[in-house]
PDB file of N, CA and C in Angstrom:
ATOM      1  N   MET A   1      96.597  89.069 101.271  1.00  0.00           N
ATOM      2  CA  MET A   1      97.784  89.657 100.712  1.00  0.00           C
ATOM      3  C   MET A   1      98.767  88.536 100.395  1.00  0.00           C
ATOM      4  N   LEU A   2      99.320  88.573  99.242  1.00  0.00           N
ATOM      5  CA  LEU A   2     100.382  87.653  98.841  1.00  0.00           C
ATOM      6  C   LEU A   2     101.650  88.477  98.661  1.00  0.00           C
ATOM      7  N   HIS A   3     102.758  87.981  99.180  1.00  0.00           N
ATOM      8  CA  HIS A   3     104.008  88.721  99.129  1.00  0.00           C
ATOM      9  C   HIS A   3     105.133  87.779  98.729  1.00  0.00           C
ATOM     10  N   ALA A   4     105.796  88.123  97.668  1.00  0.00           N
ATOM     11  CA  ALA A   4     106.978  87.379  97.214  1.00  0.00           C
ATOM     12  C   ALA A   4     108.163  88.328  97.338  1.00  0.00           C
ATOM     13  N   PRO A   5     108.854  88.338  98.493  1.00  0.00           N
ATOM     14  CA  PRO A   5     109.894  89.336  98.731  1.00  0.00           C
ATOM     15  C   PRO A   5     111.078  89.257  97.773  1.00  0.00           C
ATOM     16  N   VAL A   6     111.480  88.076  97.376  1.00  0.00           N
ATOM     17  CA  VAL A   6     112.623  87.953  96.471  1.00  0.00           C
ATOM     18  C   VAL A   6     112.304  88.584  95.123  1.00  0.00           C
ATOM     19  N   GLU A   7     111.092  88.339  94.652  1.00  0.00           N
ATOM     20  CA  GLU A   7     110.666  88.880  93.365  1.00  0.00           C
ATOM     21  C   GLU A   7     110.173  90.325  93.469  1.00  0.00           C
ATOM     22  N   GLY A   8     109.932  90.798  94.690  1.00  0.00           N
ATOM     23  CA  GLY A   8     109.435  92.163  94.887  1.00  0.00           C
ATOM     24  C   GLY A   8     107.973  92.314  94.496  1.00  0.00           C
ATOM     25  N   ILE A   9     107.184  91.273  94.699  1.00  0.00           N
ATOM     26  CA  ILE A   9     105.780  91.283  94.286  1.00  0.00           C
ATOM     27  C   ILE A   9     104.876  91.258  95.525  1.00  0.00           C
ATOM     28  N   VAL A  10     103.847  92.110  95.507  1.00  0.00           N
ATOM     29  CA  VAL A  10     102.814  92.107  96.540  1.00  0.00           C
ATOM     30  C   VAL A  10     101.471  92.145  95.832  1.00  0.00           C
ATOM     31  N   LEU A  11     100.556  91.269  96.262  1.00  0.00           N
ATOM     32  CA  LEU A  11      99.224  91.229  95.678  1.00  0.00           C
ATOM     33  C   LEU A  11      98.194  91.370  96.789  1.00  0.00           C
ATOM     34  N   PHE A  12      97.314  92.350  96.658  1.00  0.00           N
ATOM     35  CA  PHE A  12      96.183  92.503  97.548  1.00  0.00           C
ATOM     36  C   PHE A  12      94.945  92.193  96.733  1.00  0.00           C
ATOM     37  N   GLU A  13      94.172  91.224  97.170  1.00  0.00           N
ATOM     38  CA  GLU A  13      92.922  90.919  96.479  1.00  0.00           C
ATOM     39  C   GLU A  13      91.846  90.694  97.525  1.00  0.00           C
ATOM     40  N   TYR A  14      90.809  91.505  97.479  1.00  0.00           N
ATOM     41  CA  TYR A  14      89.724  91.397  98.451  1.00  0.00           C
ATOM     42  C   TYR A  14      88.597  90.549  97.890  1.00  0.00           C
ATOM     43  N   ASN A  15      88.029  89.712  98.763  1.00  0.00           N
ATOM     44  CA  ASN A  15      86.834  88.966  98.426  1.00  0.00           C
ATOM     45  C   ASN A  15      86.048  88.775  99.716  1.00  0.00           C
ATOM     46  N   ALA A  16      84.783  89.072  99.704  1.00  0.00           N
ATOM     47  CA  ALA A  16      83.949  88.973 100.908  1.00  0.00           C
ATOM     48  C   ALA A  16      83.686  87.526 101.305  1.00  0.00           C
ATOM     49  N   SER A  17      83.887  86.607 100.409  1.00  0.00           N
ATOM     50  CA  SER A  17      83.625  85.190 100.670  1.00  0.00           C
ATOM     51  C   SER A  17      84.797  84.536 101.392  1.00  0.00           C
ATOM     52  N   ARG A  18      84.486  83.553 102.238  1.00  0.00           N
ATOM     53  CA  ARG A  18      85.531  82.728 102.862  1.00  0.00           C
ATOM     54  C   ARG A  18      85.538  81.337 102.236  1.00  0.00           C
ATOM     55  N   SER A  19      85.014  81.240 101.050  1.00  0.00           N
ATOM     56  CA  SER A  19      84.931  79.982 100.337  1.00  0.00           C
ATOM     57  C   SER A  19      86.317  79.494  99.927  1.00  0.00           C
ATOM     58  N   VAL A  20      86.484  78.183  99.874  1.00  0.00           N
ATOM     59  CA  VAL A  20      87.751  77.589  99.455  1.00  0.00           C
ATOM     60  C   VAL A  20      88.093  77.979  98.015  1.00  0.00           C
ATOM     61  N   GLU A  21      87.106  78.325  97.232  1.00  0.00           N
ATOM     62  CA  GLU A  21      87.362  78.688  95.842  1.00  0.00           C
ATOM     63  C   GLU A  21      88.185  79.966  95.720  1.00  0.00           C
ATOM     64  N   VAL A  22      88.108  80.845  96.694  1.00  0.00           N
ATOM     65  CA  VAL A  22      88.840  82.121  96.612  1.00  0.00           C
ATOM     66  C   VAL A  22      90.350  81.884  96.596  1.00  0.00           C
ATOM     67  N   PRO A  23      90.947  81.260  97.634  1.00  0.00           N
ATOM     68  CA  PRO A  23      92.398  81.029  97.547  1.00  0.00           C
ATOM     69  C   PRO A  23      92.768  80.031  96.456  1.00  0.00           C
ATOM     70  N   GLU A  24      91.868  79.107  96.162  1.00  0.00           N
ATOM     71  CA  GLU A  24      92.166  78.128  95.113  1.00  0.00           C
ATOM     72  C   GLU A  24      92.310  78.813  93.760  1.00  0.00           C
ATOM     73  N   ASN A  25      91.444  79.765  93.464  1.00  0.00           N
ATOM     74  CA  ASN A  25      91.536  80.489  92.192  1.00  0.00           C
ATOM     75  C   ASN A  25      92.827  81.301  92.102  1.00  0.00           C
ATOM     76  N   ILE A  26      93.233  81.884  93.216  1.00  0.00           N
ATOM     77  CA  ILE A  26      94.445  82.707  93.214  1.00  0.00           C
ATOM     78  C   ILE A  26      95.706  81.835  93.138  1.00  0.00           C
ATOM     79  N   LEU A  27      95.686  80.696  93.820  1.00  0.00           N
ATOM     80  CA  LEU A  27      96.901  79.897  93.987  1.00  0.00           C
ATOM     81  C   LEU A  27      96.969  78.649  93.116  1.00  0.00           C
ATOM     82  N   GLN A  28      96.055  78.480  92.189  1.00  0.00           N
ATOM     83  CA  GLN A  28      96.013  77.233  91.432  1.00  0.00           C
ATOM     84  C   GLN A  28      97.276  76.960  90.615  1.00  0.00           C
ATOM     85  N   GLN A  29      98.035  77.975  90.270  1.00  0.00           N
ATOM     86  CA  GLN A  29      99.271  77.753  89.520  1.00  0.00           C
ATOM     87  C   GLN A  29     100.515  77.981  90.374  1.00  0.00           C
ATOM     88  N   PHE A  30     100.305  78.228  91.657  1.00  0.00           N
ATOM     89  CA  PHE A  30     101.409  78.499  92.573  1.00  0.00           C
ATOM     90  C   PHE A  30     102.105  77.205  92.978  1.00  0.00           C
ATOM     91  N   ILE A  31     103.409  77.234  92.977  1.00  0.00           N
ATOM     92  CA  ILE A  31     104.229  76.135  93.480  1.00  0.00           C
ATOM     93  C   ILE A  31     105.221  76.755  94.448  1.00  0.00           C
ATOM     94  N   GLY A  32     105.212  76.277  95.694  1.00  0.00           N
ATOM     95  CA  GLY A  32     106.151  76.826  96.666  1.00  0.00           C
ATOM     96  C   GLY A  32     105.614  76.744  98.078  1.00  0.00           C
ATOM     97  N   THR A  33     106.112  77.636  98.919  1.00  0.00           N
ATOM     98  CA  THR A  33     105.781  77.659 100.332  1.00  0.00           C
ATOM     99  C   THR A  33     104.840  78.813 100.609  1.00  0.00           C
ATOM    100  N   LEU A  34     103.813  78.518 101.387  1.00  0.00           N
ATOM    101  CA  LEU A  34     102.789  79.500 101.720  1.00  0.00           C
ATOM    102  C   LEU A  34     102.714  79.631 103.227  1.00  0.00           C
ATOM    103  N   GLN A  35     102.980  80.840 103.740  1.00  0.00           N
ATOM    104  CA  GLN A  35     102.871  81.077 105.180  1.00  0.00           C
ATOM    105  C   GLN A  35     101.554  81.768 105.440  1.00  0.00           C
ATOM    106  N   THR A  36     100.739  81.171 106.295  1.00  0.00           N
ATOM    107  CA  THR A  36      99.400  81.680 106.520  1.00  0.00           C
ATOM    108  C   THR A  36      98.877  81.238 107.875  1.00  0.00           C
ATOM    109  N   TYR A  37      97.782  81.820 108.270  1.00  0.00           N
ATOM    110  CA  TYR A  37      97.102  81.341 109.475  1.00  0.00           C
ATOM    111  C   TYR A  37      96.370  80.052 109.132  1.00  0.00           C
ATOM    112  N   SER A  38      95.771  79.406 110.096  1.00  0.00           N
ATOM    113  CA  SER A  38      95.251  78.046 109.881  1.00  0.00           C
ATOM    114  C   SER A  38      93.837  77.997 109.307  1.00  0.00           C
ATOM    115  N   TYR A  39      93.579  78.764 108.292  1.00  0.00           N
ATOM    116  CA  TYR A  39      92.300  78.736 107.578  1.00  0.00           C
ATOM    117  C   TYR A  39      92.201  77.396 106.843  1.00  0.00           C
ATOM    118  N   ARG A  40      91.106  76.686 107.043  1.00  0.00           N
ATOM    119  CA  ARG A  40      90.972  75.314 106.521  1.00  0.00           C
ATOM    120  C   ARG A  40      91.104  75.214 105.000  1.00  0.00           C
ATOM    121  N   ALA A  41      90.766  76.250 104.307  1.00  0.00           N
ATOM    122  CA  ALA A  41      90.857  76.212 102.843  1.00  0.00           C
ATOM    123  C   ALA A  41      92.288  75.953 102.377  1.00  0.00           C
ATOM    124  N   TYR A  42      93.263  76.474 103.103  1.00  0.00           N
ATOM    125  CA  TYR A  42      94.653  76.262 102.713  1.00  0.00           C
ATOM    126  C   TYR A  42      95.059  74.805 102.886  1.00  0.00           C
ATOM    127  N   GLN A  43      94.508  74.128 103.890  1.00  0.00           N
ATOM    128  CA  GLN A  43      94.795  72.705 104.076  1.00  0.00           C
ATOM    129  C   GLN A  43      94.352  71.897 102.859  1.00  0.00           C
ATOM    130  N   LYS A  44      93.233  72.271 102.277  1.00  0.00           N
ATOM    131  CA  LYS A  44      92.750  71.560 101.094  1.00  0.00           C
ATOM    132  C   LYS A  44      93.657  71.781  99.893  1.00  0.00           C
ATOM    133  N   LEU A  45      94.288  72.938  99.822  1.00  0.00           N
ATOM    134  CA  LEU A  45      95.153  73.242  98.679  1.00  0.00           C
ATOM    135  C   LEU A  45      96.393  72.358  98.631  1.00  0.00           C
ATOM    136  N   ILE A  46      96.926  71.978  99.798  1.00  0.00           N
ATOM    137  CA  ILE A  46      98.168  71.196  99.780  1.00  0.00           C
ATOM    138  C   ILE A  46      97.938  69.785  99.251  1.00  0.00           C
ATOM    139  N   THR A  47      96.700  69.315  99.266  1.00  0.00           N
ATOM    140  CA  THR A  47      96.433  67.991  98.702  1.00  0.00           C
ATOM    141  C   THR A  47      96.255  68.044  97.191  1.00  0.00           C
ATOM    142  N   LYS A  48      95.933  69.224  96.653  1.00  0.00           N
ATOM    143  CA  LYS A  48      95.700  69.367  95.217  1.00  0.00           C
ATOM    144  C   LYS A  48      96.906  69.924  94.462  1.00  0.00           C
ATOM    145  N   TYR A  49      97.709  70.753  95.137  1.00  0.00           N
ATOM    146  CA  TYR A  49      98.777  71.484  94.456  1.00  0.00           C
ATOM    147  C   TYR A  49     100.116  71.259  95.145  1.00  0.00           C
ATOM    148  N   LEU A  50     101.180  71.719  94.537  1.00  0.00           N
ATOM    149  CA  LEU A  50     102.533  71.576  95.090  1.00  0.00           C
ATOM    150  C   LEU A  50     102.829  72.752  96.026  1.00  0.00           C
ATOM    151  N   ILE A  51     102.073  72.788  97.119  1.00  0.00           N
ATOM    152  CA  ILE A  51     102.194  73.867  98.093  1.00  0.00           C
ATOM    153  C   ILE A  51     102.569  73.269  99.448  1.00  0.00           C
ATOM    154  N   LYS A  52     103.561  73.881 100.075  1.00  0.00           N
ATOM    155  CA  LYS A  52     103.944  73.512 101.439  1.00  0.00           C
ATOM    156  C   LYS A  52     103.487  74.646 102.349  1.00  0.00           C
ATOM    157  N   LEU A  53     102.823  74.316 103.457  1.00  0.00           N
ATOM    158  CA  LEU A  53     102.318  75.332 104.375  1.00  0.00           C
ATOM    159  C   LEU A  53     103.275  75.570 105.535  1.00  0.00           C
ATOM    160  N   LEU A  54     103.447  76.835 105.875  1.00  0.00           N
ATOM    161  CA  LEU A  54     104.161  77.242 107.081  1.00  0.00           C
ATOM    162  C   LEU A  54     103.147  77.922 107.988  1.00  0.00           C
ATOM    163  N   ALA A  55     103.233  77.670 109.273  1.00  0.00           N
ATOM    164  CA  ALA A  55     102.291  78.266 110.214  1.00  0.00           C
ATOM    165  C   ALA A  55     102.570  79.757 110.402  1.00  0.00           C
ATOM    166  N   CYS A  56     101.539  80.470 110.732  1.00  0.00           N
ATOM    167  CA  CYS A  56     101.658  81.885 111.060  1.00  0.00           C
ATOM    168  C   CYS A  56     102.279  81.995 112.447  1.00  0.00           C
ATOM    169  N   MET A  57     103.324  82.753 112.582  1.00  0.00           N
ATOM    170  CA  MET A  57     104.021  82.846 113.859  1.00  0.00           C
ATOM    171  C   MET A  57     103.288  83.721 114.874  1.00  0.00           C
ATOM    172  N   ALA A  58     102.292  84.468 114.458  1.00  0.00           N
ATOM    173  CA  ALA A  58     101.538  85.313 115.393  1.00  0.00           C
ATOM    174  C   ALA A  58     100.866  84.470 116.462  1.00  0.00           C
ATOM    175  N   HIS A  59     100.388  83.300 116.098  1.00  0.00           N
ATOM    176  CA  HIS A  59      99.720  82.442 117.069  1.00  0.00           C
ATOM    177  C   HIS A  59     100.697  81.923 118.120  1.00  0.00           C
ATOM    178  N   ALA A  60     101.873  81.516 117.703  1.00  0.00           N
ATOM    179  CA  ALA A  60     102.879  81.040 118.649  1.00  0.00           C
ATOM    180  C   ALA A  60     103.413  82.187 119.505  1.00  0.00           C
ATOM    181  N   ARG A  61     103.657  83.323 118.896  1.00  0.00           N
ATOM    182  CA  ARG A  61     104.201  84.481 119.612  1.00  0.00           C
ATOM    183  C   ARG A  61     103.259  84.936 120.726  1.00  0.00           C
ATOM    184  N   ARG A  62     101.980  84.827 120.490  1.00  0.00           N
ATOM    185  CA  ARG A  62     100.978  85.254 121.471  1.00  0.00           C
ATOM    186  C   ARG A  62     101.193  84.561 122.817  1.00  0.00           C
ATOM    187  N   TYR A  63     101.519  83.266 122.790  1.00  0.00           N
ATOM    188  CA  TYR A  63     101.715  82.525 124.040  1.00  0.00           C
ATOM    189  C   TYR A  63     103.007  82.926 124.748  1.00  0.00           C
ATOM    190  N   PHE A  64     104.022  83.267 123.995  1.00  0.00           N
ATOM    191  CA  PHE A  64     105.253  83.747 124.616  1.00  0.00           C
ATOM    192  C   PHE A  64     105.022  85.101 125.273  1.00  0.00           C
ATOM    193  N   GLU A  65     104.230  85.953 124.635  1.00  0.00           N
ATOM    194  CA  GLU A  65     103.920  87.256 125.228  1.00  0.00           C
ATOM    195  C   GLU A  65     103.125  87.092 126.518  1.00  0.00           C
ATOM    196  N   LYS A  66     102.200  86.156 126.553  1.00  0.00           N
ATOM    197  CA  LYS A  66     101.443  85.890 127.776  1.00  0.00           C
ATOM    198  C   LYS A  66     102.359  85.355 128.874  1.00  0.00           C
ATOM    199  N   ALA A  67     103.353  84.562 128.508  1.00  0.00           N
ATOM    200  CA  ALA A  67     104.253  83.961 129.480  1.00  0.00           C
ATOM    201  C   ALA A  67     105.231  84.962 130.075  1.00  0.00           C
ATOM    202  N   LEU A  68     105.406  86.109 129.463  1.00  0.00           N
ATOM    203  CA  LEU A  68     106.344  87.118 129.985  1.00  0.00           C
ATOM    204  C   LEU A  68     106.013  87.493 131.417  1.00  0.00           C
ATOM    205  N   ASP A  69     104.742  87.557 131.768  1.00  0.00           N
ATOM    206  CA  ASP A  69     104.343  87.927 133.122  1.00  0.00           C
ATOM    207  C   ASP A  69     104.708  86.836 134.133  1.00  0.00           C
ATOM    208  N   ASN A  70     104.782  85.596 133.707  1.00  0.00           N
ATOM    209  CA  ASN A  70     105.057  84.490 134.620  1.00  0.00           C
ATOM    210  C   ASN A  70     106.534  84.127 134.715  1.00  0.00           C
ATOM    211  N   ASP A  71     107.241  84.176 133.597  1.00  0.00           N
ATOM    212  CA  ASP A  71     108.636  83.760 133.569  1.00  0.00           C
ATOM    213  C   ASP A  71     109.357  84.522 132.459  1.00  0.00           C
ATOM    214  N   LYS A  72     109.704  85.764 132.754  1.00  0.00           N
ATOM    215  CA  LYS A  72     110.239  86.648 131.734  1.00  0.00           C
ATOM    216  C   LYS A  72     111.517  86.129 131.074  1.00  0.00           C
ATOM    217  N   SER A  73     112.428  85.567 131.845  1.00  0.00           N
ATOM    218  CA  SER A  73     113.707  85.135 131.261  1.00  0.00           C
ATOM    219  C   SER A  73     113.514  83.994 130.257  1.00  0.00           C
ATOM    220  N   ARG A  74     112.690  83.016 130.571  1.00  0.00           N
ATOM    221  CA  ARG A  74     112.479  81.904 129.634  1.00  0.00           C
ATOM    222  C   ARG A  74     111.576  82.299 128.476  1.00  0.00           C
ATOM    223  N   ALA A  75     110.592  83.141 128.716  1.00  0.00           N
ATOM    224  CA  ALA A  75     109.691  83.568 127.637  1.00  0.00           C
ATOM    225  C   ALA A  75     110.400  84.480 126.638  1.00  0.00           C
ATOM    226  N   SER A  76     111.389  85.215 127.123  1.00  0.00           N
ATOM    227  CA  SER A  76     112.124  86.116 126.225  1.00  0.00           C
ATOM    228  C   SER A  76     112.976  85.300 125.286  1.00  0.00           C
TER     229      SER A  76
END
């Protein structure tokens, strides 16, 4: 899913392949910031195109949720 909130655009495109060609075909003309999980194909795109990657916050949030049981005040 691609989402451009300022422009009000959402794109859903399904492909069964995890090949680097899939995001490359979709993003080859994209210039900007891309927030995604750490799929290696996106790393290759930043060397070819004017794309800056932002990490997916779900991975970081997961560790804070686990820490709630040990130290609720600091994890919150």
